[in-house]
Amino acid sequence: MEMNTGSASGSASSVGATGSTGPVAVNEPKGFRLKLQQMLAGVQAVIPDGNSVIIPGGSMTKVEIVKRLTAGTSDYLTVDTSLTALRLARVQLRGELPDLRVLYDQLKASLSASFGKGSPLLAQFGLSPQKARKQLTPEQRVARAAKARATRQLRHTGGVRQKAAVQYQGLVDVSHQLRPQPAPSTGAAPSADVSPGVSTPDKPAETPPARAG
């Protein structure tokens, strides 16, 4: 029996697609996707045209089975194409991000200089206007200083002068124990035999007595 090579088979066995960005790679089928493709190939090759397959709750013709299985495998192909396009878009974005960040910082600095750091117009550009520092009254300044001193006392974190005044006044017991190196052992100097008539640096050569004739 010959395998049906119609449009349904072509959609199920496609290994690639062509999009606006060029050829799109498709992942190798595996898992349930591979099972669907194998089932589709078996139905097209073994089931005669015009026959039906009995399933629980009724029966399905070969055409219906091929249509359902082809739609399922085509959905996988659509997902592959979308994922590939997403990967390409991310790569393109990563390449453009450095220049975009530089442009954003330049615009931010220029707008802040033009309108002023505290201008409410900066909010329309997504920038936070710099808030003016709140002016404290003399009473508020005195209260803040007193509160800070009380907090340092509770935390025992005084100022630089207070910390410098806190020093250890006790004694320090330091002991040293000397361990002299053992003296090197000195043995008796080896004796040297000096033959008569042989001089040494410390002793002149001796002349043997003459024998009487």
N, C-alpha and C. Protein backbone atom coordinates (compact mmCIF):
# COMPACT_ATOMS: atom_id res chain seq x y z
N MET A 1 0.86 -1.19 0.00
CA MET A 1 0.00 0.00 0.00
C MET A 1 0.89 1.23 0.00
N GLU A 2 0.63 2.17 -0.85
CA GLU A 2 1.44 3.36 -0.95
C GLU A 2 1.01 4.37 0.10
N MET A 3 1.99 5.14 0.55
CA MET A 3 1.71 6.17 1.56
C MET A 3 1.14 7.41 0.89
N ASN A 4 0.15 7.95 1.53
CA ASN A 4 -0.45 9.17 1.03
C ASN A 4 0.51 10.34 1.25
N THR A 5 0.85 11.03 0.21
CA THR A 5 1.80 12.15 0.31
C THR A 5 1.11 13.47 0.00
N GLY A 6 -0.14 13.60 0.43
CA GLY A 6 -0.90 14.82 0.18
C GLY A 6 -0.45 15.94 1.09
N SER A 7 -1.27 16.97 1.13
CA SER A 7 -0.92 18.15 1.90
C SER A 7 -0.88 17.88 3.40
N ALA A 8 -1.70 16.92 3.86
CA ALA A 8 -1.71 16.62 5.28
C ALA A 8 -0.38 16.07 5.72
N SER A 9 0.19 15.16 4.92
CA SER A 9 1.48 14.59 5.29
C SER A 9 2.56 15.63 5.26
N GLY A 10 2.48 16.52 4.31
CA GLY A 10 3.50 17.56 4.22
C GLY A 10 3.50 18.46 5.43
N SER A 11 2.34 18.77 5.97
CA SER A 11 2.29 19.65 7.13
C SER A 11 2.84 18.97 8.36
N ALA A 12 2.62 17.65 8.45
CA ALA A 12 3.04 16.93 9.64
C ALA A 12 4.52 16.67 9.63
N SER A 13 5.14 16.52 8.47
CA SER A 13 6.55 16.14 8.41
C SER A 13 7.45 17.32 8.12
N SER A 14 6.93 18.54 8.20
CA SER A 14 7.76 19.70 7.93
C SER A 14 8.82 19.83 9.00
N VAL A 15 10.02 20.16 8.61
CA VAL A 15 11.12 20.32 9.55
C VAL A 15 11.57 21.77 9.60
N GLY A 16 10.86 22.65 8.95
CA GLY A 16 11.27 24.04 8.98
C GLY A 16 10.19 24.90 8.39
N ALA A 17 10.30 26.18 8.60
CA ALA A 17 9.35 27.13 8.06
C ALA A 17 10.09 28.40 7.72
N THR A 18 9.52 29.20 6.86
CA THR A 18 10.14 30.44 6.43
C THR A 18 9.30 31.60 6.89
N GLY A 19 9.89 32.46 7.70
CA GLY A 19 9.19 33.63 8.20
C GLY A 19 9.80 34.89 7.64
N SER A 20 9.41 36.03 8.24
CA SER A 20 9.89 37.31 7.76
C SER A 20 11.38 37.50 8.04
N THR A 21 11.89 36.75 9.02
CA THR A 21 13.30 36.88 9.36
C THR A 21 14.16 35.81 8.72
N GLY A 22 13.61 34.97 7.85
CA GLY A 22 14.39 33.93 7.19
C GLY A 22 13.97 32.56 7.67
N PRO A 23 14.74 31.54 7.33
CA PRO A 23 14.41 30.18 7.75
C PRO A 23 14.36 30.06 9.26
N VAL A 24 13.38 29.31 9.73
CA VAL A 24 13.19 29.11 11.16
C VAL A 24 13.44 27.65 11.48
N ALA A 25 14.35 27.40 12.40
CA ALA A 25 14.66 26.03 12.77
C ALA A 25 13.55 25.46 13.64
N VAL A 26 13.28 24.18 13.46
CA VAL A 26 12.25 23.50 14.22
C VAL A 26 12.91 22.42 15.06
N ASN A 27 12.47 22.30 16.30
CA ASN A 27 13.04 21.31 17.19
C ASN A 27 12.71 19.90 16.69
N GLU A 28 13.62 18.99 16.97
CA GLU A 28 13.38 17.60 16.62
C GLU A 28 12.18 17.09 17.42
N PRO A 29 11.25 16.39 16.75
CA PRO A 29 10.07 15.90 17.47
C PRO A 29 10.45 14.86 18.51
N LYS A 30 9.83 14.97 19.64
CA LYS A 30 10.03 13.99 20.71
C LYS A 30 8.81 14.00 21.61
N GLY A 31 8.74 13.01 22.48
CA GLY A 31 7.61 12.91 23.39
C GLY A 31 6.30 12.67 22.66
N PHE A 32 5.24 13.33 23.15
CA PHE A 32 3.92 13.12 22.57
C PHE A 32 3.84 13.65 21.14
N ARG A 33 4.62 14.67 20.83
CA ARG A 33 4.64 15.18 19.47
C ARG A 33 5.14 14.12 18.49
N LEU A 34 6.17 13.40 18.88
CA LEU A 34 6.68 12.33 18.03
C LEU A 34 5.66 11.21 17.87
N LYS A 35 4.92 10.91 18.95
CA LYS A 35 3.90 9.88 18.88
C LYS A 35 2.78 10.27 17.91
N LEU A 36 2.40 11.55 17.93
CA LEU A 36 1.37 12.01 17.00
C LEU A 36 1.83 11.86 15.55
N GLN A 37 3.08 12.24 15.28
CA GLN A 37 3.57 12.13 13.91
C GLN A 37 3.66 10.68 13.46
N GLN A 38 4.08 9.80 14.37
CA GLN A 38 4.15 8.38 14.02
C GLN A 38 2.76 7.81 13.79
N MET A 39 1.79 8.22 14.61
CA MET A 39 0.42 7.75 14.42
C MET A 39 -0.13 8.24 13.08
N LEU A 40 0.14 9.49 12.74
CA LEU A 40 -0.32 10.04 11.47
C LEU A 40 0.28 9.29 10.29
N ALA A 41 1.57 9.02 10.38
CA ALA A 41 2.22 8.29 9.29
C ALA A 41 1.64 6.89 9.15
N GLY A 42 1.33 6.24 10.29
CA GLY A 42 0.75 4.89 10.22
C GLY A 42 -0.63 4.89 9.62
N VAL A 43 -1.46 5.86 10.01
CA VAL A 43 -2.82 5.94 9.46
C VAL A 43 -2.76 6.15 7.95
N GLN A 44 -1.89 7.03 7.50
CA GLN A 44 -1.80 7.31 6.07
C GLN A 44 -1.25 6.11 5.28
N ALA A 45 -0.39 5.34 5.89
CA ALA A 45 0.25 4.25 5.15
C ALA A 45 -0.56 2.95 5.20
N VAL A 46 -1.25 2.70 6.30
CA VAL A 46 -1.89 1.39 6.49
C VAL A 46 -3.38 1.44 6.23
N ILE A 47 -4.08 2.45 6.74
CA ILE A 47 -5.53 2.50 6.60
C ILE A 47 -5.89 2.82 5.14
N PRO A 48 -6.69 2.01 4.48
CA PRO A 48 -7.10 2.32 3.11
C PRO A 48 -7.98 3.56 3.08
N ASP A 49 -7.91 4.26 1.97
CA ASP A 49 -8.76 5.43 1.80
C ASP A 49 -10.23 5.03 1.84
N GLY A 50 -11.03 5.84 2.53
CA GLY A 50 -12.45 5.55 2.64
C GLY A 50 -12.81 4.68 3.80
N ASN A 51 -11.85 4.05 4.48
CA ASN A 51 -12.15 3.21 5.63
C ASN A 51 -12.25 4.03 6.90
N SER A 52 -12.80 3.41 7.93
CA SER A 52 -12.98 4.06 9.21
C SER A 52 -12.32 3.25 10.31
N VAL A 53 -12.07 3.88 11.42
CA VAL A 53 -11.48 3.21 12.58
C VAL A 53 -12.46 3.35 13.73
N ILE A 54 -12.79 2.21 14.35
CA ILE A 54 -13.74 2.21 15.46
C ILE A 54 -13.02 2.66 16.72
N ILE A 55 -13.55 3.63 17.40
CA ILE A 55 -13.02 4.15 18.65
C ILE A 55 -14.14 4.16 19.67
N PRO A 56 -13.82 4.24 20.96
CA PRO A 56 -14.89 4.28 21.95
C PRO A 56 -15.85 5.43 21.69
N GLY A 57 -17.12 5.12 21.62
CA GLY A 57 -18.15 6.12 21.38
C GLY A 57 -18.49 6.33 19.93
N GLY A 58 -17.90 5.55 19.02
CA GLY A 58 -18.23 5.71 17.62
C GLY A 58 -17.07 5.31 16.73
N SER A 59 -16.98 5.94 15.56
CA SER A 59 -15.93 5.64 14.61
C SER A 59 -15.51 6.92 13.90
N MET A 60 -14.29 6.90 13.31
CA MET A 60 -13.77 8.06 12.58
C MET A 60 -13.21 7.57 11.24
N THR A 61 -13.48 8.32 10.22
CA THR A 61 -12.95 7.97 8.91
C THR A 61 -11.47 8.34 8.86
N LYS A 62 -10.80 7.79 7.86
CA LYS A 62 -9.38 8.10 7.69
C LYS A 62 -9.16 9.59 7.47
N VAL A 63 -10.05 10.21 6.71
CA VAL A 63 -9.90 11.64 6.43
C VAL A 63 -10.01 12.44 7.72
N GLU A 64 -10.96 12.09 8.58
CA GLU A 64 -11.12 12.82 9.84
C GLU A 64 -9.90 12.64 10.75
N ILE A 65 -9.40 11.40 10.80
CA ILE A 65 -8.23 11.14 11.65
C ILE A 65 -7.02 11.95 11.17
N VAL A 66 -6.79 11.91 9.86
CA VAL A 66 -5.66 12.63 9.30
C VAL A 66 -5.80 14.13 9.56
N LYS A 67 -7.02 14.63 9.48
CA LYS A 67 -7.24 16.06 9.69
C LYS A 67 -6.93 16.45 11.13
N ARG A 68 -7.41 15.64 12.09
CA ARG A 68 -7.18 15.96 13.50
C ARG A 68 -5.71 15.86 13.86
N LEU A 69 -5.06 14.78 13.43
CA LEU A 69 -3.64 14.61 13.76
C LEU A 69 -2.78 15.68 13.09
N THR A 70 -3.12 16.04 11.89
CA THR A 70 -2.35 17.07 11.18
C THR A 70 -2.49 18.43 11.87
N ALA A 71 -3.69 18.73 12.36
CA ALA A 71 -3.88 20.00 13.07
C ALA A 71 -3.04 20.04 14.35
N GLY A 72 -2.97 18.89 15.04
CA GLY A 72 -2.16 18.85 16.27
C GLY A 72 -0.68 19.06 16.02
N THR A 73 -0.15 18.36 14.99
CA THR A 73 1.27 18.54 14.68
C THR A 73 1.56 19.93 14.14
N SER A 74 0.61 20.52 13.45
CA SER A 74 0.79 21.89 12.96
C SER A 74 0.86 22.89 14.11
N ASP A 75 0.11 22.63 15.18
CA ASP A 75 0.17 23.51 16.35
C ASP A 75 1.58 23.49 16.96
N TYR A 76 2.19 22.32 17.01
CA TYR A 76 3.57 22.24 17.49
C TYR A 76 4.50 23.08 16.62
N LEU A 77 4.29 23.01 15.32
CA LEU A 77 5.13 23.77 14.40
C LEU A 77 4.93 25.28 14.60
N THR A 78 3.71 25.69 14.89
CA THR A 78 3.45 27.11 15.14
C THR A 78 4.16 27.59 16.40
N VAL A 79 4.17 26.73 17.42
CA VAL A 79 4.87 27.09 18.66
C VAL A 79 6.37 27.21 18.40
N ASP A 80 6.94 26.27 17.62
CA ASP A 80 8.36 26.34 17.31
C ASP A 80 8.70 27.65 16.58
N THR A 81 7.86 28.01 15.64
CA THR A 81 8.11 29.23 14.88
C THR A 81 8.06 30.46 15.78
N SER A 82 7.08 30.49 16.70
CA SER A 82 6.96 31.63 17.61
C SER A 82 8.15 31.71 18.56
N LEU A 83 8.58 30.56 19.07
CA LEU A 83 9.72 30.56 19.99
C LEU A 83 11.00 31.01 19.29
N THR A 84 11.18 30.59 18.05
CA THR A 84 12.36 31.02 17.31
C THR A 84 12.34 32.51 17.06
N ALA A 85 11.17 33.04 16.68
CA ALA A 85 11.06 34.48 16.49
C ALA A 85 11.32 35.24 17.78
N LEU A 86 10.88 34.67 18.90
CA LEU A 86 11.12 35.31 20.19
C LEU A 86 12.60 35.33 20.52
N ARG A 87 13.29 34.24 20.26
CA ARG A 87 14.73 34.21 20.51
C ARG A 87 15.46 35.23 19.65
N LEU A 88 15.08 35.35 18.40
CA LEU A 88 15.71 36.33 17.53
C LEU A 88 15.44 37.75 18.01
N ALA A 89 14.22 38.01 18.47
CA ALA A 89 13.89 39.35 18.97
C ALA A 89 14.70 39.68 20.22
N ARG A 90 14.90 38.70 21.09
CA ARG A 90 15.68 38.94 22.31
C ARG A 90 17.14 39.23 21.97
N VAL A 91 17.69 38.49 21.01
CA VAL A 91 19.06 38.74 20.60
C VAL A 91 19.20 40.16 20.04
N GLN A 92 18.25 40.57 19.22
CA GLN A 92 18.29 41.91 18.65
C GLN A 92 18.16 42.97 19.73
N LEU A 93 17.30 42.73 20.72
CA LEU A 93 17.12 43.70 21.80
C LEU A 93 18.39 43.83 22.64
N ARG A 94 19.03 42.70 22.96
CA ARG A 94 20.26 42.77 23.74
C ARG A 94 21.33 43.56 23.01
N GLY A 95 21.35 43.48 21.68
CA GLY A 95 22.33 44.26 20.94
C GLY A 95 22.05 45.75 20.93
N GLU A 96 20.78 46.13 21.06
CA GLU A 96 20.41 47.54 21.01
C GLU A 96 20.35 48.19 22.38
N LEU A 97 20.31 47.41 23.45
CA LEU A 97 20.15 47.97 24.79
C LEU A 97 21.26 48.94 25.18
N PRO A 98 22.55 48.66 24.93
CA PRO A 98 23.58 49.63 25.35
C PRO A 98 23.36 51.01 24.76
N ASP A 99 23.08 51.09 23.44
CA ASP A 99 22.86 52.40 22.82
C ASP A 99 21.59 53.06 23.35
N LEU A 100 20.57 52.27 23.62
CA LEU A 100 19.33 52.84 24.15
C LEU A 100 19.54 53.42 25.55
N ARG A 101 20.33 52.74 26.36
CA ARG A 101 20.60 53.25 27.71
C ARG A 101 21.38 54.56 27.66
N VAL A 102 22.36 54.62 26.77
CA VAL A 102 23.13 55.86 26.63
C VAL A 102 22.21 57.00 26.19
N LEU A 103 21.34 56.74 25.21
CA LEU A 103 20.41 57.77 24.74
C LEU A 103 19.48 58.22 25.86
N TYR A 104 18.99 57.28 26.65
CA TYR A 104 18.07 57.63 27.74
C TYR A 104 18.77 58.52 28.76
N ASP A 105 20.00 58.17 29.15
CA ASP A 105 20.73 58.98 30.12
C ASP A 105 21.00 60.38 29.57
N GLN A 106 21.31 60.47 28.29
CA GLN A 106 21.55 61.78 27.70
C GLN A 106 20.29 62.63 27.70
N LEU A 107 19.16 62.03 27.33
CA LEU A 107 17.90 62.77 27.34
C LEU A 107 17.51 63.18 28.75
N LYS A 108 17.73 62.31 29.71
CA LYS A 108 17.39 62.62 31.10
C LYS A 108 18.19 63.82 31.60
N ALA A 109 19.50 63.80 31.31
CA ALA A 109 20.33 64.92 31.75
C ALA A 109 19.94 66.22 31.04
N SER A 110 19.65 66.12 29.74
CA SER A 110 19.30 67.32 28.98
C SER A 110 17.97 67.91 29.45
N LEU A 111 16.98 67.07 29.68
CA LEU A 111 15.68 67.56 30.13
C LEU A 111 15.76 68.15 31.53
N SER A 112 16.54 67.54 32.40
CA SER A 112 16.68 68.07 33.76
C SER A 112 17.35 69.43 33.74
N ALA A 113 18.33 69.58 32.82
CA ALA A 113 19.01 70.88 32.72
C ALA A 113 18.11 71.93 32.09
N SER A 114 17.26 71.53 31.16
CA SER A 114 16.41 72.50 30.46
C SER A 114 15.26 72.98 31.34
N PHE A 115 14.55 72.05 31.97
CA PHE A 115 13.37 72.42 32.76
C PHE A 115 13.70 72.66 34.23
N GLY A 116 14.86 72.17 34.66
CA GLY A 116 15.19 72.26 36.08
C GLY A 116 14.89 70.95 36.78
N LYS A 117 15.76 70.55 37.71
CA LYS A 117 15.59 69.25 38.38
C LYS A 117 14.31 69.16 39.19
N GLY A 118 13.77 70.30 39.59
CA GLY A 118 12.54 70.28 40.38
C GLY A 118 11.29 70.58 39.60
N SER A 119 11.39 70.64 38.27
CA SER A 119 10.22 70.99 37.46
C SER A 119 9.21 69.86 37.44
N PRO A 120 7.92 70.17 37.62
CA PRO A 120 6.90 69.11 37.55
C PRO A 120 6.72 68.56 36.14
N LEU A 121 7.24 69.26 35.13
CA LEU A 121 7.13 68.75 33.76
C LEU A 121 7.93 67.47 33.56
N LEU A 122 8.92 67.22 34.40
CA LEU A 122 9.72 66.00 34.25
C LEU A 122 8.88 64.74 34.46
N ALA A 123 7.81 64.86 35.22
CA ALA A 123 6.96 63.70 35.47
C ALA A 123 6.31 63.20 34.19
N GLN A 124 6.09 64.09 33.22
CA GLN A 124 5.50 63.66 31.96
C GLN A 124 6.47 62.82 31.12
N PHE A 125 7.76 62.89 31.45
CA PHE A 125 8.76 62.07 30.77
C PHE A 125 9.11 60.81 31.57
N GLY A 126 8.37 60.60 32.65
CA GLY A 126 8.67 59.45 33.49
C GLY A 126 9.80 59.70 34.46
N LEU A 127 10.19 60.96 34.65
CA LEU A 127 11.29 61.30 35.55
C LEU A 127 10.71 61.89 36.83
N SER A 128 11.39 61.61 37.93
CA SER A 128 10.92 62.11 39.22
C SER A 128 11.57 63.46 39.49
N PRO A 129 10.78 64.51 39.65
CA PRO A 129 11.37 65.82 39.99
C PRO A 129 12.06 65.78 41.34
N GLN A 130 13.14 66.51 41.43
CA GLN A 130 13.88 66.56 42.68
C GLN A 130 13.10 67.38 43.69
N LYS A 131 12.86 66.81 44.85
CA LYS A 131 12.09 67.50 45.87
C LYS A 131 12.97 68.51 46.60
N ALA A 132 12.42 69.65 46.85
CA ALA A 132 13.15 70.68 47.59
C ALA A 132 13.30 70.26 49.05
N ARG A 133 14.50 70.53 49.57
CA ARG A 133 14.75 70.15 50.96
C ARG A 133 13.88 71.00 51.89
N LYS A 134 13.26 70.34 52.82
CA LYS A 134 12.36 71.01 53.75
C LYS A 134 13.17 71.86 54.72
N GLN A 135 12.80 73.11 54.82
CA GLN A 135 13.49 74.02 55.73
C GLN A 135 12.93 73.84 57.15
N LEU A 136 13.83 73.57 58.09
CA LEU A 136 13.41 73.36 59.47
C LEU A 136 13.48 74.68 60.23
N THR A 137 12.58 74.80 61.17
CA THR A 137 12.59 75.96 62.05
C THR A 137 13.69 75.77 63.10
N PRO A 138 14.12 76.84 63.76
CA PRO A 138 15.14 76.68 64.81
C PRO A 138 14.74 75.69 65.89
N GLU A 139 13.46 75.70 66.27
CA GLU A 139 13.01 74.74 67.28
C GLU A 139 13.15 73.31 66.78
N GLN A 140 12.82 73.08 65.52
CA GLN A 140 12.94 71.73 64.96
C GLN A 140 14.39 71.28 64.88
N ARG A 141 15.30 72.20 64.59
CA ARG A 141 16.71 71.84 64.54
C ARG A 141 17.24 71.46 65.91
N VAL A 142 16.84 72.21 66.94
CA VAL A 142 17.27 71.89 68.30
C VAL A 142 16.71 70.54 68.72
N ALA A 143 15.43 70.29 68.39
CA ALA A 143 14.81 69.02 68.75
C ALA A 143 15.50 67.86 68.03
N ARG A 144 15.86 68.05 66.77
CA ARG A 144 16.52 66.98 66.03
C ARG A 144 17.90 66.68 66.61
N ALA A 145 18.65 67.72 67.00
CA ALA A 145 19.97 67.51 67.59
C ALA A 145 19.86 66.79 68.93
N ALA A 146 18.88 67.18 69.75
CA ALA A 146 18.70 66.53 71.05
C ALA A 146 18.30 65.07 70.87
N LYS A 147 17.46 64.82 69.92
CA LYS A 147 17.06 63.44 69.65
C LYS A 147 18.24 62.61 69.19
N ALA A 148 19.12 63.19 68.36
CA ALA A 148 20.28 62.45 67.88
C ALA A 148 21.23 62.12 69.03
N ARG A 149 21.46 63.07 69.96
CA ARG A 149 22.32 62.81 71.11
C ARG A 149 21.75 61.72 72.00
N ALA A 150 20.45 61.77 72.23
CA ALA A 150 19.83 60.74 73.06
C ALA A 150 19.93 59.37 72.41
N THR A 151 19.78 59.33 71.10
CA THR A 151 19.88 58.06 70.40
C THR A 151 21.29 57.49 70.49
N ARG A 152 22.33 58.35 70.38
CA ARG A 152 23.70 57.87 70.49
C ARG A 152 23.99 57.33 71.88
N GLN A 153 23.42 57.98 72.89
CA GLN A 153 23.63 57.48 74.25
C GLN A 153 22.99 56.12 74.44
N LEU A 154 21.80 55.93 73.90
CA LEU A 154 21.13 54.64 74.04
C LEU A 154 21.89 53.54 73.28
N ARG A 155 22.45 53.90 72.15
CA ARG A 155 23.17 52.92 71.35
C ARG A 155 24.65 52.81 71.72
N HIS A 156 25.10 53.66 72.65
CA HIS A 156 26.51 53.70 73.04
C HIS A 156 27.41 53.96 71.83
N THR A 157 26.98 54.88 71.00
CA THR A 157 27.76 55.26 69.82
C THR A 157 28.01 56.75 69.89
N GLY A 158 29.00 57.14 70.71
CA GLY A 158 29.31 58.54 70.87
C GLY A 158 30.04 59.10 69.68
N GLY A 159 30.37 60.36 69.78
CA GLY A 159 31.09 61.02 68.71
C GLY A 159 32.55 60.61 68.69
N VAL A 160 33.33 61.27 67.82
CA VAL A 160 34.74 60.92 67.66
C VAL A 160 35.51 61.21 68.94
N ARG A 161 35.27 62.37 69.56
CA ARG A 161 35.98 62.72 70.79
C ARG A 161 35.60 61.79 71.93
N GLN A 162 34.33 61.44 72.01
CA GLN A 162 33.91 60.53 73.08
C GLN A 162 34.52 59.15 72.90
N LYS A 163 34.59 58.69 71.66
CA LYS A 163 35.20 57.39 71.42
C LYS A 163 36.70 57.42 71.72
N ALA A 164 37.37 58.54 71.42
CA ALA A 164 38.80 58.63 71.68
C ALA A 164 39.09 58.65 73.17
N ALA A 165 38.17 59.16 73.98
CA ALA A 165 38.37 59.21 75.42
C ALA A 165 38.22 57.85 76.08
N VAL A 166 37.56 56.92 75.42
CA VAL A 166 37.34 55.59 75.98
C VAL A 166 38.51 54.71 75.58
N GLN A 167 39.41 54.46 76.53
CA GLN A 167 40.58 53.62 76.28
C GLN A 167 40.78 52.66 77.44
N TYR A 168 41.44 51.58 77.18
CA TYR A 168 41.71 50.59 78.22
C TYR A 168 42.84 51.10 79.10
N GLN A 169 42.59 51.09 80.41
CA GLN A 169 43.57 51.63 81.35
C GLN A 169 44.24 50.55 82.18
N GLY A 170 43.94 49.29 82.00
CA GLY A 170 44.53 48.23 82.79
C GLY A 170 45.97 47.94 82.38
N LEU A 171 46.57 46.99 83.10
CA LEU A 171 47.95 46.57 82.81
C LEU A 171 47.94 45.40 81.85
N VAL A 172 49.04 45.24 81.19
CA VAL A 172 49.21 44.15 80.25
C VAL A 172 50.38 43.31 80.72
N ASP A 173 50.15 42.04 80.96
CA ASP A 173 51.20 41.13 81.42
C ASP A 173 51.77 40.42 80.20
N VAL A 174 53.01 40.74 79.88
CA VAL A 174 53.68 40.14 78.73
C VAL A 174 54.90 39.39 79.25
N SER A 175 54.99 38.13 79.02
CA SER A 175 56.13 37.32 79.47
C SER A 175 56.83 36.74 78.26
N HIS A 176 58.18 36.69 78.41
CA HIS A 176 59.00 36.13 77.34
C HIS A 176 59.84 35.01 77.93
N GLN A 177 59.94 33.94 77.29
CA GLN A 177 60.76 32.81 77.72
C GLN A 177 61.80 32.54 76.66
N LEU A 178 63.05 32.65 77.06
CA LEU A 178 64.14 32.47 76.11
C LEU A 178 64.51 31.00 76.03
N ARG A 179 64.76 30.55 74.86
CA ARG A 179 65.19 29.16 74.62
C ARG A 179 66.46 29.19 73.77
N PRO A 180 67.61 29.23 74.44
CA PRO A 180 68.86 29.33 73.66
C PRO A 180 69.08 28.07 72.82
N GLN A 181 69.77 28.28 71.73
CA GLN A 181 70.12 27.15 70.87
C GLN A 181 71.21 26.30 71.55
N PRO A 182 71.13 24.96 71.47
CA PRO A 182 72.19 24.12 72.06
C PRO A 182 73.52 24.34 71.36
N ALA A 183 74.58 24.37 72.21
CA ALA A 183 75.92 24.60 71.65
C ALA A 183 76.34 23.41 70.79
N PRO A 184 76.98 23.67 69.70
CA PRO A 184 77.43 22.55 68.85
C PRO A 184 78.49 21.72 69.56
N SER A 185 78.42 20.40 69.44
CA SER A 185 79.38 19.48 70.08
C SER A 185 80.73 19.57 69.39
N THR A 186 81.80 19.70 70.23
CA THR A 186 83.17 19.77 69.70
C THR A 186 83.95 18.54 70.16
N GLY A 187 84.42 17.72 69.28
CA GLY A 187 85.22 16.53 69.62
C GLY A 187 86.71 16.85 69.64
N ALA A 188 87.52 15.90 70.09
CA ALA A 188 88.98 16.07 70.13
C ALA A 188 89.54 16.11 68.73
N ALA A 189 90.46 17.02 68.53
CA ALA A 189 91.08 17.16 67.22
C ALA A 189 91.88 15.91 66.89
N PRO A 190 91.79 15.42 65.71
CA PRO A 190 92.55 14.19 65.37
C PRO A 190 94.05 14.47 65.40
N SER A 191 94.78 13.49 65.95
CA SER A 191 96.25 13.61 66.04
C SER A 191 96.87 13.27 64.71
N ALA A 192 97.94 13.94 64.42
CA ALA A 192 98.64 13.71 63.15
C ALA A 192 100.05 13.22 63.43
N ASP A 193 100.44 12.16 62.82
CA ASP A 193 101.81 11.61 62.94
C ASP A 193 102.73 12.38 62.03
N VAL A 194 103.77 12.84 62.62
CA VAL A 194 104.76 13.60 61.85
C VAL A 194 106.04 12.79 61.81
N SER A 195 106.44 12.41 60.67
CA SER A 195 107.67 11.63 60.52
C SER A 195 108.87 12.53 60.71
N PRO A 196 109.97 11.94 61.20
CA PRO A 196 111.17 12.76 61.34
C PRO A 196 111.60 13.33 60.00
N GLY A 197 112.00 14.54 60.04
CA GLY A 197 112.46 15.19 58.82
C GLY A 197 111.35 15.87 58.06
N VAL A 198 110.11 15.76 58.55
CA VAL A 198 108.97 16.40 57.89
C VAL A 198 108.55 17.58 58.73
N SER A 199 108.52 18.71 58.13
CA SER A 199 108.17 19.92 58.86
C SER A 199 106.67 20.17 58.78
N THR A 200 106.18 20.82 59.79
CA THR A 200 104.78 21.26 59.85
C THR A 200 104.78 22.75 60.02
N PRO A 201 103.61 23.39 59.79
CA PRO A 201 103.58 24.85 59.92
C PRO A 201 103.97 25.33 61.30
N ASP A 202 103.69 24.52 62.38
CA ASP A 202 103.99 24.97 63.74
C ASP A 202 105.29 24.41 64.29
N LYS A 203 105.86 23.44 63.62
CA LYS A 203 107.04 22.76 64.17
C LYS A 203 108.04 22.52 63.10
N PRO A 204 109.30 23.00 63.25
CA PRO A 204 110.30 22.74 62.21
C PRO A 204 110.70 21.28 62.14
N ALA A 205 111.26 20.93 61.05
CA ALA A 205 111.67 19.54 60.84
C ALA A 205 112.84 19.17 61.73
N GLU A 206 112.78 17.95 62.31
CA GLU A 206 113.85 17.48 63.21
C GLU A 206 114.88 16.69 62.38
N THR A 207 116.15 16.93 62.75
CA THR A 207 117.25 16.22 62.08
C THR A 207 117.62 15.02 62.88
N PRO A 208 117.58 13.83 62.36
CA PRO A 208 117.93 12.62 63.17
C PRO A 208 119.41 12.66 63.56
N PRO A 209 119.76 12.14 64.76
CA PRO A 209 121.17 12.17 65.19
C PRO A 209 122.03 11.28 64.29
N ALA A 210 123.27 11.70 64.16
CA ALA A 210 124.20 10.91 63.32
C ALA A 210 124.68 9.69 64.05
N ARG A 211 124.82 8.61 63.46
CA ARG A 211 125.30 7.36 64.06
C ARG A 211 126.85 7.38 64.11
N ALA A 212 127.37 6.85 65.18
CA ALA A 212 128.83 6.73 65.30
C ALA A 212 129.33 5.58 64.45
N GLY A 213 130.56 5.78 63.75
CA GLY A 213 131.06 4.75 62.88
C GLY A 213 131.93 3.74 63.55
